[in-house]
């Protein structure tokens, strides 16, 4: 029973680490200056839309 609880806790921890890594990866991509997928290139076009 204790072994199953430890494995479940370890799986939960690994899942949290994986989601944290994905979040930091997406934040790093969002900070990138060369964003080819940006909808608006500057504030003027954003106001016109």
PDB file of N, CA and C in Angstrom:
ATOM      1  N   UNK A   1       0.828  -1.205   0.000  1.00  0.00           N
ATOM      2  CA  UNK A   1       0.000   0.000   0.000  1.00  0.00           C
ATOM      3  C   UNK A   1       0.864   1.259   0.000  1.00  0.00           C
ATOM      4  N   UNK A   2       1.897   1.263   0.829  1.00  0.00           N
ATOM      5  CA  UNK A   2       2.786   2.422   0.910  1.00  0.00           C
ATOM      6  C   UNK A   2       3.555   2.582  -0.405  1.00  0.00           C
ATOM      7  N   UNK A   3       3.965   1.454  -0.982  1.00  0.00           N
ATOM      8  CA  UNK A   3       4.713   1.495  -2.237  1.00  0.00           C
ATOM      9  C   UNK A   3       3.841   2.087  -3.357  1.00  0.00           C
ATOM     10  N   UNK A   4       2.572   1.712  -3.391  1.00  0.00           N
ATOM     11  CA  UNK A   4       1.654   2.251  -4.405  1.00  0.00           C
ATOM     12  C   UNK A   4       1.455   3.752  -4.195  1.00  0.00           C
ATOM     13  N   UNK A   5       1.367   4.183  -2.939  1.00  0.00           N
ATOM     14  CA  UNK A   5       1.214   5.606  -2.650  1.00  0.00           C
ATOM     15  C   UNK A   5       2.452   6.386  -3.082  1.00  0.00           C
ATOM     16  N   UNK A   6       3.634   5.830  -2.835  1.00  0.00           N
ATOM     17  CA  UNK A   6       4.879   6.483  -3.244  1.00  0.00           C
ATOM     18  C   UNK A   6       4.967   6.595  -4.764  1.00  0.00           C
ATOM     19  N   UNK A   7       4.557   5.537  -5.449  1.00  0.00           N
ATOM     20  CA  UNK A   7       4.587   5.574  -6.919  1.00  0.00           C
ATOM     21  C   UNK A   7       3.597   6.601  -7.464  1.00  0.00           C
ATOM     22  N   UNK A   8       2.425   6.675  -6.849  1.00  0.00           N
ATOM     23  CA  UNK A   8       1.427   7.659  -7.264  1.00  0.00           C
ATOM     24  C   UNK A   8       1.939   9.077  -7.023  1.00  0.00           C
ATOM     25  N   UNK A   9       2.566   9.289  -5.886  1.00  0.00           N
ATOM     26  CA  UNK A   9       3.136  10.598  -5.568  1.00  0.00           C
ATOM     27  C   UNK A   9       4.264  10.953  -6.538  1.00  0.00           C
ATOM     28  N   UNK A  10       5.094   9.990  -6.885  1.00  0.00           N
ATOM     29  CA  UNK A  10       6.177  10.223  -7.843  1.00  0.00           C
ATOM     30  C   UNK A  10       5.619  10.555  -9.222  1.00  0.00           C
ATOM     31  N   UNK A  11       4.577   9.853  -9.626  1.00  0.00           N
ATOM     32  CA  UNK A  11       3.944  10.129 -10.928  1.00  0.00           C
ATOM     33  C   UNK A  11       3.362  11.539 -10.957  1.00  0.00           C
ATOM     34  N   UNK A  12       2.732  11.936  -9.847  1.00  0.00           N
ATOM     35  CA  UNK A  12       2.187  13.288  -9.746  1.00  0.00           C
ATOM     36  C   UNK A  12       3.304  14.328  -9.822  1.00  0.00           C
ATOM     37  N   UNK A  13       4.417  14.075  -9.173  1.00  0.00           N
ATOM     38  CA  UNK A  13       5.558  14.990  -9.214  1.00  0.00           C
ATOM     39  C   UNK A  13       6.155  15.111 -10.602  1.00  0.00           C
ATOM     40  N   UNK A  14       6.290  13.979 -11.274  1.00  0.00           N
ATOM     41  CA  UNK A  14       6.828  14.000 -12.638  1.00  0.00           C
ATOM     42  C   UNK A  14       5.896  14.763 -13.565  1.00  0.00           C
ATOM     43  N   UNK A  15       4.588  14.599 -13.381  1.00  0.00           N
ATOM     44  CA  UNK A  15       3.611  15.324 -14.189  1.00  0.00           C
ATOM     45  C   UNK A  15       3.730  16.827 -13.953  1.00  0.00           C
ATOM     46  N   UNK A  16       3.887  17.240 -12.695  1.00  0.00           N
ATOM     47  CA  UNK A  16       4.046  18.657 -12.396  1.00  0.00           C
ATOM     48  C   UNK A  16       5.316  19.224 -13.027  1.00  0.00           C
ATOM     49  N   UNK A  17       6.393  18.476 -12.968  1.00  0.00           N
ATOM     50  CA  UNK A  17       7.653  18.930 -13.564  1.00  0.00           C
ATOM     51  C   UNK A  17       7.494  19.064 -15.079  1.00  0.00           C
ATOM     52  N   UNK A  18       6.821  18.111 -15.709  1.00  0.00           N
ATOM     53  CA  UNK A  18       6.633  18.167 -17.157  1.00  0.00           C
ATOM     54  C   UNK A  18       5.789  19.378 -17.559  1.00  0.00           C
ATOM     55  N   UNK A  19       4.703  19.632 -16.806  1.00  0.00           N
ATOM     56  CA  UNK A  19       3.875  20.795 -17.123  1.00  0.00           C
ATOM     57  C   UNK A  19       4.631  22.098 -16.869  1.00  0.00           C
ATOM     58  N   UNK A  20       5.451  22.135 -15.841  1.00  0.00           N
ATOM     59  CA  UNK A  20       6.271  23.321 -15.579  1.00  0.00           C
ATOM     60  C   UNK A  20       7.266  23.572 -16.702  1.00  0.00           C
ATOM     61  N   UNK A  21       7.865  22.502 -17.204  1.00  0.00           N
ATOM     62  CA  UNK A  21       8.803  22.639 -18.314  1.00  0.00           C
ATOM     63  C   UNK A  21       8.099  23.138 -19.571  1.00  0.00           C
ATOM     64  N   UNK A  22       6.905  22.613 -19.847  1.00  0.00           N
ATOM     65  CA  UNK A  22       6.146  23.078 -21.014  1.00  0.00           C
ATOM     66  C   UNK A  22       5.765  24.542 -20.867  1.00  0.00           C
ATOM     67  N   UNK A  23       5.358  24.943 -19.671  1.00  0.00           N
ATOM     68  CA  UNK A  23       4.978  26.332 -19.444  1.00  0.00           C
ATOM     69  C   UNK A  23       6.170  27.261 -19.653  1.00  0.00           C
ATOM     70  N   UNK A  24       7.323  26.881 -19.139  1.00  0.00           N
ATOM     71  CA  UNK A  24       8.500  27.727 -19.319  1.00  0.00           C
ATOM     72  C   UNK A  24       8.932  27.759 -20.789  1.00  0.00           C
ATOM     73  N   UNK A  25       8.759  26.651 -21.499  1.00  0.00           N
ATOM     74  CA  UNK A  25       9.076  26.632 -22.930  1.00  0.00           C
ATOM     75  C   UNK A  25       8.165  27.584 -23.696  1.00  0.00           C
ATOM     76  N   UNK A  26       6.854  27.540 -23.406  1.00  0.00           N
ATOM     77  CA  UNK A  26       5.935  28.438 -24.093  1.00  0.00           C
ATOM     78  C   UNK A  26       6.187  29.894 -23.727  1.00  0.00           C
ATOM     79  N   UNK A  27       6.554  30.164 -22.474  1.00  0.00           N
ATOM     80  CA  UNK A  27       6.897  31.538 -22.086  1.00  0.00           C
ATOM     81  C   UNK A  27       8.146  32.013 -22.813  1.00  0.00           C
ATOM     82  N   UNK A  28       9.123  31.116 -22.990  1.00  0.00           N
ATOM     83  CA  UNK A  28      10.348  31.477 -23.708  1.00  0.00           C
ATOM     84  C   UNK A  28      10.032  31.774 -25.173  1.00  0.00           C
ATOM     85  N   UNK A  29       9.152  30.978 -25.767  1.00  0.00           N
ATOM     86  CA  UNK A  29       8.758  31.214 -27.164  1.00  0.00           C
ATOM     87  C   UNK A  29       8.004  32.540 -27.271  1.00  0.00           C
ATOM     88  N   UNK A  30       7.157  32.846 -26.294  1.00  0.00           N
ATOM     89  CA  UNK A  30       6.379  34.084 -26.326  1.00  0.00           C
ATOM     90  C   UNK A  30       7.280  35.307 -26.190  1.00  0.00           C
ATOM     91  N   UNK A  31       8.401  35.198 -25.479  1.00  0.00           N
ATOM     92  CA  UNK A  31       9.311  36.331 -25.317  1.00  0.00           C
ATOM     93  C   UNK A  31      10.189  36.548 -26.528  1.00  0.00           C
ATOM     94  N   UNK A  32      10.230  35.586 -27.420  1.00  0.00           N
ATOM     95  CA  UNK A  32      11.101  35.663 -28.589  1.00  0.00           C
ATOM     96  C   UNK A  32      10.738  36.877 -29.442  1.00  0.00           C
ATOM     97  N   UNK A  33      11.751  37.628 -29.847  1.00  0.00           N
ATOM     98  CA  UNK A  33      11.529  38.828 -30.670  1.00  0.00           C
ATOM     99  C   UNK A  33      11.087  38.463 -32.088  1.00  0.00           C
ATOM    100  N   UNK A  34      11.540  37.354 -32.594  1.00  0.00           N
ATOM    101  CA  UNK A  34      11.228  36.943 -33.966  1.00  0.00           C
ATOM    102  C   UNK A  34       9.985  36.064 -33.952  1.00  0.00           C
ATOM    103  N   UNK A  35       8.829  36.678 -33.828  1.00  0.00           N
ATOM    104  CA  UNK A  35       7.572  35.942 -33.744  1.00  0.00           C
ATOM    105  C   UNK A  35       6.887  35.973 -35.101  1.00  0.00           C
ATOM    106  N   UNK A  36       7.007  34.887 -35.845  1.00  0.00           N
ATOM    107  CA  UNK A  36       6.435  34.838 -37.193  1.00  0.00           C
ATOM    108  C   UNK A  36       4.929  34.618 -37.171  1.00  0.00           C
ATOM    109  N   UNK A  37       4.388  34.215 -36.020  1.00  0.00           N
ATOM    110  CA  UNK A  37       2.973  33.878 -35.946  1.00  0.00           C
ATOM    111  C   UNK A  37       2.161  34.971 -35.272  1.00  0.00           C
ATOM    112  N   UNK A  38       2.755  36.144 -35.103  1.00  0.00           N
ATOM    113  CA  UNK A  38       2.044  37.239 -34.453  1.00  0.00           C
ATOM    114  C   UNK A  38       0.965  37.771 -35.379  1.00  0.00           C
ATOM    115  N   UNK A  39      -0.213  38.008 -34.844  1.00  0.00           N
ATOM    116  CA  UNK A  39      -1.334  38.449 -35.668  1.00  0.00           C
ATOM    117  C   UNK A  39      -1.125  39.890 -36.112  1.00  0.00           C
ATOM    118  N   UNK A  40      -0.738  40.783 -35.184  1.00  0.00           N
ATOM    119  CA  UNK A  40      -0.489  42.169 -35.516  1.00  0.00           C
ATOM    120  C   UNK A  40       0.988  42.478 -35.318  1.00  0.00           C
ATOM    121  N   UNK A  41       1.567  43.196 -36.263  1.00  0.00           N
ATOM    122  CA  UNK A  41       2.992  43.480 -36.151  1.00  0.00           C
ATOM    123  C   UNK A  41       3.268  44.716 -35.310  1.00  0.00           C
ATOM    124  N   UNK A  42       2.296  45.627 -35.192  1.00  0.00           N
ATOM    125  CA  UNK A  42       2.514  46.804 -34.345  1.00  0.00           C
ATOM    126  C   UNK A  42       1.176  47.302 -33.786  1.00  0.00           C
ATOM    127  N   UNK A  43       1.250  48.330 -32.967  1.00  0.00           N
ATOM    128  CA  UNK A  43       0.050  48.815 -32.293  1.00  0.00           C
ATOM    129  C   UNK A  43      -0.934  49.485 -33.247  1.00  0.00           C
ATOM    130  N   UNK A  44      -0.457  50.118 -34.312  1.00  0.00           N
ATOM    131  CA  UNK A  44      -1.358  50.782 -35.260  1.00  0.00           C
ATOM    132  C   UNK A  44      -2.325  49.800 -35.896  1.00  0.00           C
ATOM    133  N   UNK A  45      -1.797  48.686 -36.379  1.00  0.00           N
ATOM    134  CA  UNK A  45      -2.659  47.707 -37.010  1.00  0.00           C
ATOM    135  C   UNK A  45      -3.637  47.122 -36.009  1.00  0.00           C
ATOM    136  N   UNK A  46      -3.237  47.018 -34.748  1.00  0.00           N
ATOM    137  CA  UNK A  46      -4.113  46.482 -33.711  1.00  0.00           C
ATOM    138  C   UNK A  46      -5.280  47.432 -33.484  1.00  0.00           C
ATOM    139  N   UNK A  47      -5.036  48.718 -33.519  1.00  0.00           N
ATOM    140  CA  UNK A  47      -6.114  49.684 -33.318  1.00  0.00           C
ATOM    141  C   UNK A  47      -7.062  49.729 -34.504  1.00  0.00           C
ATOM    142  N   UNK A  48      -6.540  49.500 -35.705  1.00  0.00           N
ATOM    143  CA  UNK A  48      -7.381  49.527 -36.900  1.00  0.00           C
ATOM    144  C   UNK A  48      -8.327  48.335 -36.967  1.00  0.00           C
ATOM    145  N   UNK A  49      -7.939  47.234 -36.365  1.00  0.00           N
ATOM    146  CA  UNK A  49      -8.732  45.995 -36.490  1.00  0.00           C
ATOM    147  C   UNK A  49     -10.037  46.070 -35.752  1.00  0.00           C
TER     148      UNK A  49
END
